[in-house]
Amino acid sequence: MRKLLTFAGVLFCLGAQSPAQTWHDPSPHTQGAVQVGSVRLSYLDWGGRGLPIVFLAGMGQSPHIFDHLAPQFTGNHRVIGLFRRGHGASDHPSSGYDSGTLAEDLRGALDVLSIPRVVLVGYSLGGVEATEFLGKYPDRVERVVYLDSAYDNTKMPALGDPVRMPPPTADDMANIQAGMKWFERAFGFATPAIEADARAMNLLPDGKMTIESFTPEIGAQLWKTWTNFKPDFSAVRTPVLAIYAVSESHPLLGQDASPDLREKADEFWRNNWVPYQKQSLDELLAAKGPVRITILRNTSHLCFIRLQGEVQVAHTISAFLDESF
């Protein structure tokens, strides 16, 4: 359980509501908002024509995390990314973070935007929303893409991971530049999409960063939704592409790790996380519709954000969208 909290929390430390400064988002999108019941939801629109694609980000993230990936599909699709409730510029109500309500938020946003049918691309928690929406409204989903998110979260390894990533220091959170340097030290890379996401989730008006993307109460509800979600793929007839990030060694182990920690961490990963991934993959294969699976090896949950992984992810999704079923 702590492992996926680490995965989701990667970008809790780097998000933002941008103060006035000279930075300009390099991604070619506009930002809008829709009213869904009592909740105002923001979205990014990269434009394009054709069957719409909606990108759903992970917990504590904004659709800016797709800033480089999403516009690669505007040649044949209208491309949108949704800020779920409790995230960034969307409203932050005190409740409504169960999978059913989140799916209804998505339905309401599509209705307001006059989108009757859609391709869903869900990353991490976004995969839960995509699966819930697909179960409720199968006729509105043309295809589904799971970015390392087609998992039975009730079975994920909860105990025994010896790797503990140290949190950023106060100096690391002093400003956006320091936060980006911390991210690069911690994960070995940084991209403009990560910075844009950082500026959309956790940047304070005074220019400092905060580790909290939302209140602890909202975070607890989202975590419960994620970890208690058990997908039923057996009735799915919609074409599915699932991309899994698989590593035989612990992907969050630092270069300066001791030999003893490295041995324990890799053993935990091979004996717990990799079998869990395989079990989830086998469950996905029970779907009644076409299923395409791509395994990205020796990478992490951040697979589509790193440039080399993003190239393969974009190519794989494009081929899936072009395929006739």
C-alpha atoms as a PDB file:
ATOM      1  CA  MET A   1       0.000   0.000   0.000  1.00  0.00           C
ATOM      2  CA  ARG A   2       2.845   2.367   0.855  1.00  0.00           C
ATOM      3  CA  LYS A   3       4.329   1.709  -2.568  1.00  0.00           C
ATOM      4  CA  LEU A   4       1.377   3.150  -4.449  1.00  0.00           C
ATOM      5  CA  LEU A   5       1.209   6.031  -2.013  1.00  0.00           C
ATOM      6  CA  THR A   6       4.784   6.782  -3.051  1.00  0.00           C
ATOM      7  CA  PHE A   7       3.778   6.550  -6.687  1.00  0.00           C
ATOM      8  CA  ALA A   8       0.791   8.844  -6.255  1.00  0.00           C
ATOM      9  CA  GLY A   9       2.684  11.164  -3.948  1.00  0.00           C
ATOM     10  CA  VAL A  10       5.484  11.728  -6.421  1.00  0.00           C
ATOM     11  CA  LEU A  11       3.720  14.782  -7.745  1.00  0.00           C
ATOM     12  CA  PHE A  12       2.012  15.836  -4.503  1.00  0.00           C
ATOM     13  CA  CYS A  13       5.333  17.568  -3.899  1.00  0.00           C
ATOM     14  CA  LEU A  14       5.310  19.359  -7.213  1.00  0.00           C
ATOM     15  CA  GLY A  15       2.010  20.962  -8.106  1.00  0.00           C
ATOM     16  CA  ALA A  16       0.686  24.517  -8.136  1.00  0.00           C
ATOM     17  CA  GLN A  17      -1.658  27.427  -8.367  1.00  0.00           C
ATOM     18  CA  SER A  18       0.562  29.810 -10.237  1.00  0.00           C
ATOM     19  CA  PRO A  19       1.350  33.272  -8.884  1.00  0.00           C
ATOM     20  CA  ALA A  20       2.133  36.094 -11.258  1.00  0.00           C
ATOM     21  CA  GLN A  21       5.511  35.356 -12.818  1.00  0.00           C
ATOM     22  CA  THR A  22       7.151  35.201 -16.205  1.00  0.00           C
ATOM     23  CA  TRP A  23       6.784  31.468 -16.772  1.00  0.00           C
ATOM     24  CA  HIS A  24       4.595  30.443 -19.722  1.00  0.00           C
ATOM     25  CA  ASP A  25       3.161  26.981 -20.231  1.00  0.00           C
ATOM     26  CA  PRO A  26       4.734  25.644 -23.452  1.00  0.00           C
ATOM     27  CA  SER A  27       1.951  23.118 -24.112  1.00  0.00           C
ATOM     28  CA  PRO A  28      -0.572  24.212 -26.796  1.00  0.00           C
ATOM     29  CA  HIS A  29      -3.795  24.049 -24.820  1.00  0.00           C
ATOM     30  CA  THR A  30      -6.495  26.344 -23.535  1.00  0.00           C
ATOM     31  CA  GLN A  31      -8.150  26.003 -20.145  1.00  0.00           C
ATOM     32  CA  GLY A  32     -11.870  26.008 -19.514  1.00  0.00           C
ATOM     33  CA  ALA A  33     -14.412  24.949 -16.913  1.00  0.00           C
ATOM     34  CA  VAL A  34     -17.790  23.217 -16.811  1.00  0.00           C
ATOM     35  CA  GLN A  35     -20.468  23.201 -14.145  1.00  0.00           C
ATOM     36  CA  VAL A  36     -21.473  19.669 -13.155  1.00  0.00           C
ATOM     37  CA  GLY A  37     -24.215  19.876 -10.569  1.00  0.00           C
ATOM     38  CA  SER A  38     -22.835  21.917  -7.710  1.00  0.00           C
ATOM     39  CA  VAL A  39     -19.195  21.357  -8.690  1.00  0.00           C
ATOM     40  CA  ARG A  40     -17.138  23.387 -11.133  1.00  0.00           C
ATOM     41  CA  LEU A  41     -14.588  21.248 -12.972  1.00  0.00           C
ATOM     42  CA  SER A  42     -11.682  22.667 -14.954  1.00  0.00           C
ATOM     43  CA  TYR A  43     -10.185  21.056 -18.015  1.00  0.00           C
ATOM     44  CA  LEU A  44      -7.388  21.506 -20.550  1.00  0.00           C
ATOM     45  CA  ASP A  45      -8.245  21.449 -24.239  1.00  0.00           C
ATOM     46  CA  TRP A  46      -5.465  20.741 -26.737  1.00  0.00           C
ATOM     47  CA  GLY A  47      -7.863  21.093 -29.650  1.00  0.00           C
ATOM     48  CA  GLY A  48      -7.915  18.790 -32.646  1.00  0.00           C
ATOM     49  CA  ARG A  49     -10.747  17.158 -34.574  1.00  0.00           C
ATOM     50  CA  GLY A  50     -12.190  13.697 -34.535  1.00  0.00           C
ATOM     51  CA  LEU A  51     -13.228  11.223 -31.846  1.00  0.00           C
ATOM     52  CA  PRO A  52     -12.431  12.901 -28.492  1.00  0.00           C
ATOM     53  CA  ILE A  53      -9.779  11.551 -26.139  1.00  0.00           C
ATOM     54  CA  VAL A  54     -10.027  12.423 -22.445  1.00  0.00           C
ATOM     55  CA  PHE A  55      -6.908  12.031 -20.304  1.00  0.00           C
ATOM     56  CA  LEU A  56      -7.420  11.252 -16.596  1.00  0.00           C
ATOM     57  CA  ALA A  57      -4.444  11.911 -14.328  1.00  0.00           C
ATOM     58  CA  GLY A  58      -3.337  10.257 -11.109  1.00  0.00           C
ATOM     59  CA  MET A  59      -4.154  11.229  -7.551  1.00  0.00           C
ATOM     60  CA  GLY A  60      -2.653  14.577  -6.645  1.00  0.00           C
ATOM     61  CA  GLN A  61      -1.913  15.357 -10.284  1.00  0.00           C
ATOM     62  CA  SER A  62      -3.390  17.660 -12.886  1.00  0.00           C
ATOM     63  CA  PRO A  63      -3.871  16.988 -16.610  1.00  0.00           C
ATOM     64  CA  HIS A  64      -0.753  19.097 -17.143  1.00  0.00           C
ATOM     65  CA  ILE A  65       1.137  15.864 -16.526  1.00  0.00           C
ATOM     66  CA  PHE A  66       0.085  14.985 -20.098  1.00  0.00           C
ATOM     67  CA  ASP A  67       1.270  18.324 -21.526  1.00  0.00           C
ATOM     68  CA  HIS A  68       3.753  16.705 -23.908  1.00  0.00           C
ATOM     69  CA  LEU A  69       1.956  13.427 -24.585  1.00  0.00           C
ATOM     70  CA  ALA A  70      -1.590  14.692 -25.221  1.00  0.00           C
ATOM     71  CA  PRO A  71      -0.988  17.087 -28.158  1.00  0.00           C
ATOM     72  CA  GLN A  72       0.555  14.247 -30.156  1.00  0.00           C
ATOM     73  CA  PHE A  73      -2.976  12.963 -30.867  1.00  0.00           C
ATOM     74  CA  THR A  74      -4.648  16.147 -32.111  1.00  0.00           C
ATOM     75  CA  GLY A  75      -4.156  15.178 -35.748  1.00  0.00           C
ATOM     76  CA  ASN A  76      -7.065  12.727 -35.551  1.00  0.00           C
ATOM     77  CA  HIS A  77      -8.754  13.503 -32.237  1.00  0.00           C
ATOM     78  CA  ARG A  78      -9.997  16.301 -30.058  1.00  0.00           C
ATOM     79  CA  VAL A  79      -7.908  15.985 -26.900  1.00  0.00           C
ATOM     80  CA  ILE A  80      -8.985  17.030 -23.398  1.00  0.00           C
ATOM     81  CA  GLY A  81      -7.628  16.533 -19.881  1.00  0.00           C
ATOM     82  CA  LEU A  82      -9.915  16.820 -16.853  1.00  0.00           C
ATOM     83  CA  PHE A  83      -9.075  18.202 -13.408  1.00  0.00           C
ATOM     84  CA  ARG A  84     -11.068  15.950 -11.095  1.00  0.00           C
ATOM     85  CA  ARG A  85     -12.817  17.478  -8.096  1.00  0.00           C
ATOM     86  CA  GLY A  86     -10.410  18.370  -5.311  1.00  0.00           C
ATOM     87  CA  HIS A  87      -7.572  18.984  -7.778  1.00  0.00           C
ATOM     88  CA  GLY A  88      -6.046  22.254  -8.921  1.00  0.00           C
ATOM     89  CA  ALA A  89      -8.471  24.762 -10.402  1.00  0.00           C
ATOM     90  CA  SER A  90     -11.539  22.517  -9.930  1.00  0.00           C
ATOM     91  CA  ASP A  91     -13.759  22.938  -6.889  1.00  0.00           C
ATOM     92  CA  HIS A  92     -12.697  21.184  -3.685  1.00  0.00           C
ATOM     93  CA  PRO A  93     -15.914  19.981  -2.016  1.00  0.00           C
ATOM     94  CA  SER A  94     -15.564  18.076   1.251  1.00  0.00           C
ATOM     95  CA  SER A  95     -17.111  14.875  -0.153  1.00  0.00           C
ATOM     96  CA  GLY A  96     -17.791  13.009  -3.372  1.00  0.00           C
ATOM     97  CA  TYR A  97     -14.456  11.248  -3.881  1.00  0.00           C
ATOM     98  CA  ASP A  98     -15.827   7.722  -4.272  1.00  0.00           C
ATOM     99  CA  SER A  99     -15.417   6.087  -7.684  1.00  0.00           C
ATOM    100  CA  GLY A 100     -19.118   6.358  -8.489  1.00  0.00           C
ATOM    101  CA  THR A 101     -19.260  10.112  -7.942  1.00  0.00           C
ATOM    102  CA  LEU A 102     -16.014  10.657  -9.835  1.00  0.00           C
ATOM    103  CA  ALA A 103     -17.464   8.726 -12.774  1.00  0.00           C
ATOM    104  CA  GLU A 104     -20.593  10.888 -12.632  1.00  0.00           C
ATOM    105  CA  ASP A 105     -18.393  13.992 -12.666  1.00  0.00           C
ATOM    106  CA  LEU A 106     -16.819  12.690 -15.864  1.00  0.00           C
ATOM    107  CA  ARG A 107     -20.231  11.960 -17.391  1.00  0.00           C
ATOM    108  CA  GLY A 108     -21.459  15.416 -16.504  1.00  0.00           C
ATOM    109  CA  ALA A 109     -18.381  17.069 -18.006  1.00  0.00           C
ATOM    110  CA  LEU A 110     -18.800  15.108 -21.245  1.00  0.00           C
ATOM    111  CA  ASP A 111     -22.479  16.080 -21.387  1.00  0.00           C
ATOM    112  CA  VAL A 112     -21.720  19.787 -20.986  1.00  0.00           C
ATOM    113  CA  LEU A 113     -18.988  19.557 -23.622  1.00  0.00           C
ATOM    114  CA  SER A 114     -21.401  17.724 -25.981  1.00  0.00           C
ATOM    115  CA  ILE A 115     -19.176  14.647 -26.214  1.00  0.00           C
ATOM    116  CA  PRO A 116     -21.381  11.560 -26.677  1.00  0.00           C
ATOM    117  CA  ARG A 117     -18.592   9.015 -27.135  1.00  0.00           C
ATOM    118  CA  VAL A 118     -14.971   9.054 -26.063  1.00  0.00           C
ATOM    119  CA  VAL A 119     -11.602   7.339 -25.759  1.00  0.00           C
ATOM    120  CA  LEU A 120     -10.486   7.291 -22.108  1.00  0.00           C
ATOM    121  CA  VAL A 121      -6.812   7.301 -21.144  1.00  0.00           C
ATOM    122  CA  GLY A 122      -6.411   6.703 -17.425  1.00  0.00           C
ATOM    123  CA  TYR A 123      -3.173   6.908 -15.483  1.00  0.00           C
ATOM    124  CA  SER A 124      -2.952   5.540 -11.942  1.00  0.00           C
ATOM    125  CA  LEU A 125      -6.149   6.677 -10.131  1.00  0.00           C
ATOM    126  CA  GLY A 126      -7.452   7.752 -13.544  1.00  0.00           C
ATOM    127  CA  GLY A 127      -7.669   4.059 -14.388  1.00  0.00           C
ATOM    128  CA  VAL A 128     -10.180   3.589 -11.563  1.00  0.00           C
ATOM    129  CA  GLU A 129     -12.338   6.396 -12.972  1.00  0.00           C
ATOM    130  CA  ALA A 130     -12.099   4.960 -16.489  1.00  0.00           C
ATOM    131  CA  THR A 131     -13.118   1.475 -15.321  1.00  0.00           C
ATOM    132  CA  GLU A 132     -16.026   2.799 -13.233  1.00  0.00           C
ATOM    133  CA  PHE A 133     -17.265   4.964 -16.102  1.00  0.00           C
ATOM    134  CA  LEU A 134     -16.935   2.082 -18.562  1.00  0.00           C
ATOM    135  CA  GLY A 135     -18.998  -0.146 -16.273  1.00  0.00           C
ATOM    136  CA  LYS A 136     -21.767   2.440 -16.014  1.00  0.00           C
ATOM    137  CA  TYR A 137     -21.763   3.787 -19.554  1.00  0.00           C
ATOM    138  CA  PRO A 138     -20.220   1.214 -21.914  1.00  0.00           C
ATOM    139  CA  ASP A 139     -21.986   2.691 -24.939  1.00  0.00           C
ATOM    140  CA  ARG A 140     -20.182   5.993 -24.418  1.00  0.00           C
ATOM    141  CA  VAL A 141     -16.667   4.529 -24.494  1.00  0.00           C
ATOM    142  CA  GLU A 142     -15.032   3.766 -27.819  1.00  0.00           C
ATOM    143  CA  ARG A 143     -11.771   2.477 -26.348  1.00  0.00           C
ATOM    144  CA  VAL A 144      -9.857   2.512 -23.062  1.00  0.00           C
ATOM    145  CA  VAL A 145      -6.143   2.966 -22.477  1.00  0.00           C
ATOM    146  CA  TYR A 146      -4.709   2.061 -19.085  1.00  0.00           C
ATOM    147  CA  LEU A 147      -1.372   3.733 -18.349  1.00  0.00           C
ATOM    148  CA  ASP A 148      -0.006   1.405 -15.672  1.00  0.00           C
ATOM    149  CA  SER A 149      -3.438   1.419 -14.068  1.00  0.00           C
ATOM    150  CA  ALA A 150      -5.186  -1.879 -14.914  1.00  0.00           C
ATOM    151  CA  TYR A 151      -4.781  -3.322 -11.430  1.00  0.00           C
ATOM    152  CA  ASP A 152      -6.833  -4.940  -8.710  1.00  0.00           C
ATOM    153  CA  ASN A 153      -5.827  -2.437  -6.045  1.00  0.00           C
ATOM    154  CA  THR A 154      -7.262  -4.548  -3.238  1.00  0.00           C
ATOM    155  CA  LYS A 155      -4.416  -7.022  -3.766  1.00  0.00           C
ATOM    156  CA  MET A 156      -1.461  -4.684  -4.037  1.00  0.00           C
ATOM    157  CA  PRO A 157       1.465  -5.453  -1.730  1.00  0.00           C
ATOM    158  CA  ALA A 158       0.953  -3.538   1.493  1.00  0.00           C
ATOM    159  CA  LEU A 159       3.807  -4.436   3.795  1.00  0.00           C
ATOM    160  CA  GLY A 160       7.500  -5.182   3.726  1.00  0.00           C
ATOM    161  CA  ASP A 161       8.894  -2.640   1.260  1.00  0.00           C
ATOM    162  CA  PRO A 162      12.270  -1.606   2.710  1.00  0.00           C
ATOM    163  CA  VAL A 163      12.599   1.516   0.537  1.00  0.00           C
ATOM    164  CA  ARG A 164      11.572   4.784   2.196  1.00  0.00           C
ATOM    165  CA  MET A 165      12.008   7.881   0.082  1.00  0.00           C
ATOM    166  CA  PRO A 166      12.999  10.874   2.226  1.00  0.00           C
ATOM    167  CA  PRO A 167      10.615  13.814   1.907  1.00  0.00           C
ATOM    168  CA  PRO A 168      11.797  17.122   0.462  1.00  0.00           C
ATOM    169  CA  THR A 169      13.299  19.597   2.910  1.00  0.00           C
ATOM    170  CA  ALA A 170      12.109  23.144   3.539  1.00  0.00           C
ATOM    171  CA  ASP A 171      14.861  24.352   1.209  1.00  0.00           C
ATOM    172  CA  ASP A 172      13.599  21.964  -1.477  1.00  0.00           C
ATOM    173  CA  MET A 173      10.164  23.552  -1.173  1.00  0.00           C
ATOM    174  CA  ALA A 174      11.385  27.159  -1.112  1.00  0.00           C
ATOM    175  CA  ASN A 175      10.270  27.813  -4.705  1.00  0.00           C
ATOM    176  CA  ILE A 176       9.417  26.069  -7.952  1.00  0.00           C
ATOM    177  CA  GLN A 177      13.031  25.974  -9.116  1.00  0.00           C
ATOM    178  CA  ALA A 178      14.147  24.248  -5.923  1.00  0.00           C
ATOM    179  CA  GLY A 179      11.259  21.807  -6.197  1.00  0.00           C
ATOM    180  CA  MET A 180      12.220  20.864  -9.735  1.00  0.00           C
ATOM    181  CA  LYS A 181      15.833  20.300  -8.684  1.00  0.00           C
ATOM    182  CA  TRP A 182      14.646  18.058  -5.869  1.00  0.00           C
ATOM    183  CA  PHE A 183      12.501  16.050  -8.281  1.00  0.00           C
ATOM    184  CA  GLU A 184      15.409  15.602 -10.654  1.00  0.00           C
ATOM    185  CA  ARG A 185      17.691  14.440  -7.842  1.00  0.00           C
ATOM    186  CA  ALA A 186      15.073  12.056  -6.516  1.00  0.00           C
ATOM    187  CA  PHE A 187      13.915  10.540  -9.811  1.00  0.00           C
ATOM    188  CA  GLY A 188      16.733  11.211 -12.238  1.00  0.00           C
ATOM    189  CA  PHE A 189      14.838  13.441 -14.660  1.00  0.00           C
ATOM    190  CA  ALA A 190      12.487  16.400 -14.933  1.00  0.00           C
ATOM    191  CA  THR A 191      10.354  17.673 -17.805  1.00  0.00           C
ATOM    192  CA  PRO A 192       8.281  20.759 -18.659  1.00  0.00           C
ATOM    193  CA  ALA A 193       5.137  18.674 -18.078  1.00  0.00           C
ATOM    194  CA  ILE A 194       6.237  17.983 -14.517  1.00  0.00           C
ATOM    195  CA  GLU A 195       6.868  21.668 -13.953  1.00  0.00           C
ATOM    196  CA  ALA A 196       3.482  22.601 -15.427  1.00  0.00           C
ATOM    197  CA  ASP A 197       1.835  20.029 -13.173  1.00  0.00           C
ATOM    198  CA  ALA A 198       3.787  21.481 -10.263  1.00  0.00           C
ATOM    199  CA  ARG A 199       2.480  24.936 -11.050  1.00  0.00           C
ATOM    200  CA  ALA A 200      -1.081  23.639 -11.202  1.00  0.00           C
ATOM    201  CA  MET A 201      -1.219  21.738  -7.920  1.00  0.00           C
ATOM    202  CA  ASN A 202       0.995  22.853  -5.034  1.00  0.00           C
ATOM    203  CA  LEU A 203       2.603  26.225  -5.655  1.00  0.00           C
ATOM    204  CA  LEU A 204       1.510  28.750  -3.052  1.00  0.00           C
ATOM    205  CA  PRO A 205       0.718  32.418  -3.768  1.00  0.00           C
ATOM    206  CA  ASP A 206       3.960  33.447  -2.040  1.00  0.00           C
ATOM    207  CA  GLY A 207       5.997  31.312  -4.459  1.00  0.00           C
ATOM    208  CA  LYS A 208       6.781  28.515  -2.002  1.00  0.00           C
ATOM    209  CA  MET A 209       5.779  24.898  -2.509  1.00  0.00           C
ATOM    210  CA  THR A 210       3.532  22.830  -0.253  1.00  0.00           C
ATOM    211  CA  ILE A 211       3.551  19.070   0.024  1.00  0.00           C
ATOM    212  CA  GLU A 212      -0.253  18.993   0.344  1.00  0.00           C
ATOM    213  CA  SER A 213      -2.302  18.960  -2.855  1.00  0.00           C
ATOM    214  CA  PHE A 214      -5.553  18.953  -0.891  1.00  0.00           C
ATOM    215  CA  THR A 215      -6.795  18.587   2.657  1.00  0.00           C
ATOM    216  CA  PRO A 216      -5.995  15.390   4.576  1.00  0.00           C
ATOM    217  CA  GLU A 217      -9.715  14.597   4.603  1.00  0.00           C
ATOM    218  CA  ILE A 218      -9.919  14.682   0.803  1.00  0.00           C
ATOM    219  CA  GLY A 219      -6.696  12.714   0.515  1.00  0.00           C
ATOM    220  CA  ALA A 220      -8.035  10.011   2.829  1.00  0.00           C
ATOM    221  CA  GLN A 221     -11.200   9.653   0.742  1.00  0.00           C
ATOM    222  CA  LEU A 222      -9.246   9.381  -2.496  1.00  0.00           C
ATOM    223  CA  TRP A 223      -6.825   6.860  -0.995  1.00  0.00           C
ATOM    224  CA  LYS A 224      -9.744   4.735   0.219  1.00  0.00           C
ATOM    225  CA  THR A 225     -11.322   4.859  -3.239  1.00  0.00           C
ATOM    226  CA  TRP A 226      -8.096   3.803  -4.883  1.00  0.00           C
ATOM    227  CA  THR A 227      -7.071   1.005  -2.536  1.00  0.00           C
ATOM    228  CA  ASN A 228     -10.576  -0.462  -2.202  1.00  0.00           C
ATOM    229  CA  PHE A 229     -11.297  -0.566  -5.928  1.00  0.00           C
ATOM    230  CA  LYS A 230     -11.659  -4.069  -7.350  1.00  0.00           C
ATOM    231  CA  PRO A 231     -12.264  -3.980 -11.117  1.00  0.00           C
ATOM    232  CA  ASP A 232     -14.394  -6.538 -12.874  1.00  0.00           C
ATOM    233  CA  PHE A 233     -13.015  -6.875 -16.386  1.00  0.00           C
ATOM    234  CA  SER A 234     -14.995 -10.019 -17.197  1.00  0.00           C
ATOM    235  CA  ALA A 235     -17.916  -8.084 -18.717  1.00  0.00           C
ATOM    236  CA  VAL A 236     -15.810  -5.556 -20.648  1.00  0.00           C
ATOM    237  CA  ARG A 237     -16.387  -5.706 -24.392  1.00  0.00           C
ATOM    238  CA  THR A 238     -14.794  -2.373 -25.269  1.00  0.00           C
ATOM    239  CA  PRO A 239     -11.323  -2.597 -26.853  1.00  0.00           C
ATOM    240  CA  VAL A 240      -8.669  -2.156 -24.162  1.00  0.00           C
ATOM    241  CA  LEU A 241      -4.999  -1.259 -24.290  1.00  0.00           C
ATOM    242  CA  ALA A 242      -3.107  -1.809 -21.042  1.00  0.00           C
ATOM    243  CA  ILE A 243       0.445  -0.542 -20.684  1.00  0.00           C
ATOM    244  CA  TYR A 244       2.358  -2.003 -17.749  1.00  0.00           C
ATOM    245  CA  ALA A 245       5.620  -0.632 -16.371  1.00  0.00           C
ATOM    246  CA  VAL A 246       7.605  -3.676 -15.235  1.00  0.00           C
ATOM    247  CA  SER A 247      10.983  -3.719 -13.539  1.00  0.00           C
ATOM    248  CA  GLU A 248      12.880  -6.662 -12.073  1.00  0.00           C
ATOM    249  CA  SER A 249      14.628  -4.280  -9.673  1.00  0.00           C
ATOM    250  CA  HIS A 250      13.136  -1.732  -7.302  1.00  0.00           C
ATOM    251  CA  PRO A 251      12.501   1.410  -9.426  1.00  0.00           C
ATOM    252  CA  LEU A 252      12.718   3.858  -6.515  1.00  0.00           C
ATOM    253  CA  LEU A 253      16.048   2.664  -5.165  1.00  0.00           C
ATOM    254  CA  GLY A 254      18.617   5.447  -5.134  1.00  0.00           C
ATOM    255  CA  GLN A 255      22.044   5.126  -6.719  1.00  0.00           C
ATOM    256  CA  ASP A 256      23.676   5.516  -3.296  1.00  0.00           C
ATOM    257  CA  ALA A 257      21.747   2.613  -1.739  1.00  0.00           C
ATOM    258  CA  SER A 258      23.841   0.169   0.231  1.00  0.00           C
ATOM    259  CA  PRO A 259      24.339  -3.370  -1.165  1.00  0.00           C
ATOM    260  CA  ASP A 260      22.264  -4.766   1.700  1.00  0.00           C
ATOM    261  CA  LEU A 261      19.322  -2.411   1.038  1.00  0.00           C
ATOM    262  CA  ARG A 262      19.569  -3.011  -2.692  1.00  0.00           C
ATOM    263  CA  GLU A 263      19.371  -6.773  -2.184  1.00  0.00           C
ATOM    264  CA  LYS A 264      16.386  -6.515   0.171  1.00  0.00           C
ATOM    265  CA  ALA A 265      14.560  -4.010  -2.039  1.00  0.00           C
ATOM    266  CA  ASP A 266      15.019  -5.998  -5.228  1.00  0.00           C
ATOM    267  CA  GLU A 267      13.940  -9.182  -3.475  1.00  0.00           C
ATOM    268  CA  PHE A 268      10.775  -7.488  -2.232  1.00  0.00           C
ATOM    269  CA  TRP A 269      10.023  -6.146  -5.688  1.00  0.00           C
ATOM    270  CA  ARG A 270      10.557  -9.448  -7.497  1.00  0.00           C
ATOM    271  CA  ASN A 271       8.677 -11.520  -4.919  1.00  0.00           C
ATOM    272  CA  ASN A 272       5.759  -9.172  -4.292  1.00  0.00           C
ATOM    273  CA  TRP A 273       5.228  -6.427  -6.837  1.00  0.00           C
ATOM    274  CA  VAL A 274       6.025  -8.279 -10.063  1.00  0.00           C
ATOM    275  CA  PRO A 275       3.718 -11.234  -9.207  1.00  0.00           C
ATOM    276  CA  TYR A 276       0.994  -8.723  -8.306  1.00  0.00           C
ATOM    277  CA  GLN A 277       1.352  -7.107 -11.709  1.00  0.00           C
ATOM    278  CA  LYS A 278       1.149 -10.482 -13.423  1.00  0.00           C
ATOM    279  CA  GLN A 279      -1.973 -11.413 -11.468  1.00  0.00           C
ATOM    280  CA  SER A 280      -3.662  -8.152 -12.464  1.00  0.00           C
ATOM    281  CA  LEU A 281      -2.662  -8.699 -16.086  1.00  0.00           C
ATOM    282  CA  ASP A 282      -4.180 -12.187 -16.021  1.00  0.00           C
ATOM    283  CA  GLU A 283      -7.429 -10.765 -14.623  1.00  0.00           C
ATOM    284  CA  LEU A 284      -7.549  -8.194 -17.415  1.00  0.00           C
ATOM    285  CA  LEU A 285      -7.295 -10.977 -19.996  1.00  0.00           C
ATOM    286  CA  ALA A 286     -10.732 -12.178 -18.822  1.00  0.00           C
ATOM    287  CA  ALA A 287     -12.292  -9.222 -20.667  1.00  0.00           C
ATOM    288  CA  LYS A 288     -14.638 -10.310 -23.431  1.00  0.00           C
ATOM    289  CA  GLY A 289     -13.549  -7.623 -25.866  1.00  0.00           C
ATOM    290  CA  PRO A 290     -10.215  -7.153 -27.628  1.00  0.00           C
ATOM    291  CA  VAL A 291      -7.307  -6.637 -25.219  1.00  0.00           C
ATOM    292  CA  ARG A 292      -3.901  -5.353 -26.216  1.00  0.00           C
ATOM    293  CA  ILE A 293      -1.075  -5.441 -23.662  1.00  0.00           C
ATOM    294  CA  THR A 294       2.266  -3.655 -23.853  1.00  0.00           C
ATOM    295  CA  ILE A 295       4.950  -4.205 -21.235  1.00  0.00           C
ATOM    296  CA  LEU A 296       7.554  -1.498 -20.770  1.00  0.00           C
ATOM    297  CA  ARG A 297      10.541  -3.118 -19.108  1.00  0.00           C
ATOM    298  CA  ASN A 298      13.014  -1.649 -16.643  1.00  0.00           C
ATOM    299  CA  THR A 299      10.962   1.460 -16.031  1.00  0.00           C
ATOM    300  CA  SER A 300       8.654   2.822 -13.337  1.00  0.00           C
ATOM    301  CA  HIS A 301       5.123   4.101 -12.779  1.00  0.00           C
ATOM    302  CA  LEU A 302       6.301   7.387 -14.332  1.00  0.00           C
ATOM    303  CA  CYS A 303       6.956   5.579 -17.619  1.00  0.00           C
ATOM    304  CA  PHE A 304       5.044   7.925 -19.924  1.00  0.00           C
ATOM    305  CA  ILE A 305       6.581  11.098 -18.476  1.00  0.00           C
ATOM    306  CA  ARG A 306      10.214  10.239 -19.210  1.00  0.00           C
ATOM    307  CA  LEU A 307      11.053  11.048 -22.810  1.00  0.00           C
ATOM    308  CA  GLN A 308      12.202   7.588 -23.856  1.00  0.00           C
ATOM    309  CA  GLY A 309       9.101   5.976 -22.345  1.00  0.00           C
ATOM    310  CA  GLU A 310       6.794   8.640 -23.737  1.00  0.00           C
ATOM    311  CA  VAL A 311       7.920   7.881 -27.296  1.00  0.00           C
ATOM    312  CA  GLN A 312       6.987   4.213 -26.907  1.00  0.00           C
ATOM    313  CA  VAL A 313       3.732   5.032 -25.109  1.00  0.00           C
ATOM    314  CA  ALA A 314       2.662   7.507 -27.810  1.00  0.00           C
ATOM    315  CA  HIS A 315       3.478   5.025 -30.584  1.00  0.00           C
ATOM    316  CA  THR A 316       1.622   2.207 -28.805  1.00  0.00           C
ATOM    317  CA  ILE A 317      -1.497   4.301 -28.206  1.00  0.00           C
ATOM    318  CA  SER A 318      -1.516   5.581 -31.791  1.00  0.00           C
ATOM    319  CA  ALA A 319      -1.300   2.059 -33.176  1.00  0.00           C
ATOM    320  CA  PHE A 320      -4.158   0.963 -30.895  1.00  0.00           C
ATOM    321  CA  LEU A 321      -6.348   3.867 -31.961  1.00  0.00           C
ATOM    322  CA  ASP A 322      -5.681   3.118 -35.640  1.00  0.00           C
ATOM    323  CA  GLU A 323      -6.472  -0.583 -35.284  1.00  0.00           C
ATOM    324  CA  SER A 324      -9.775  -1.920 -36.614  1.00  0.00           C
ATOM    325  CA  PHE A 325     -11.825  -4.087 -34.283  1.00  0.00           C
END
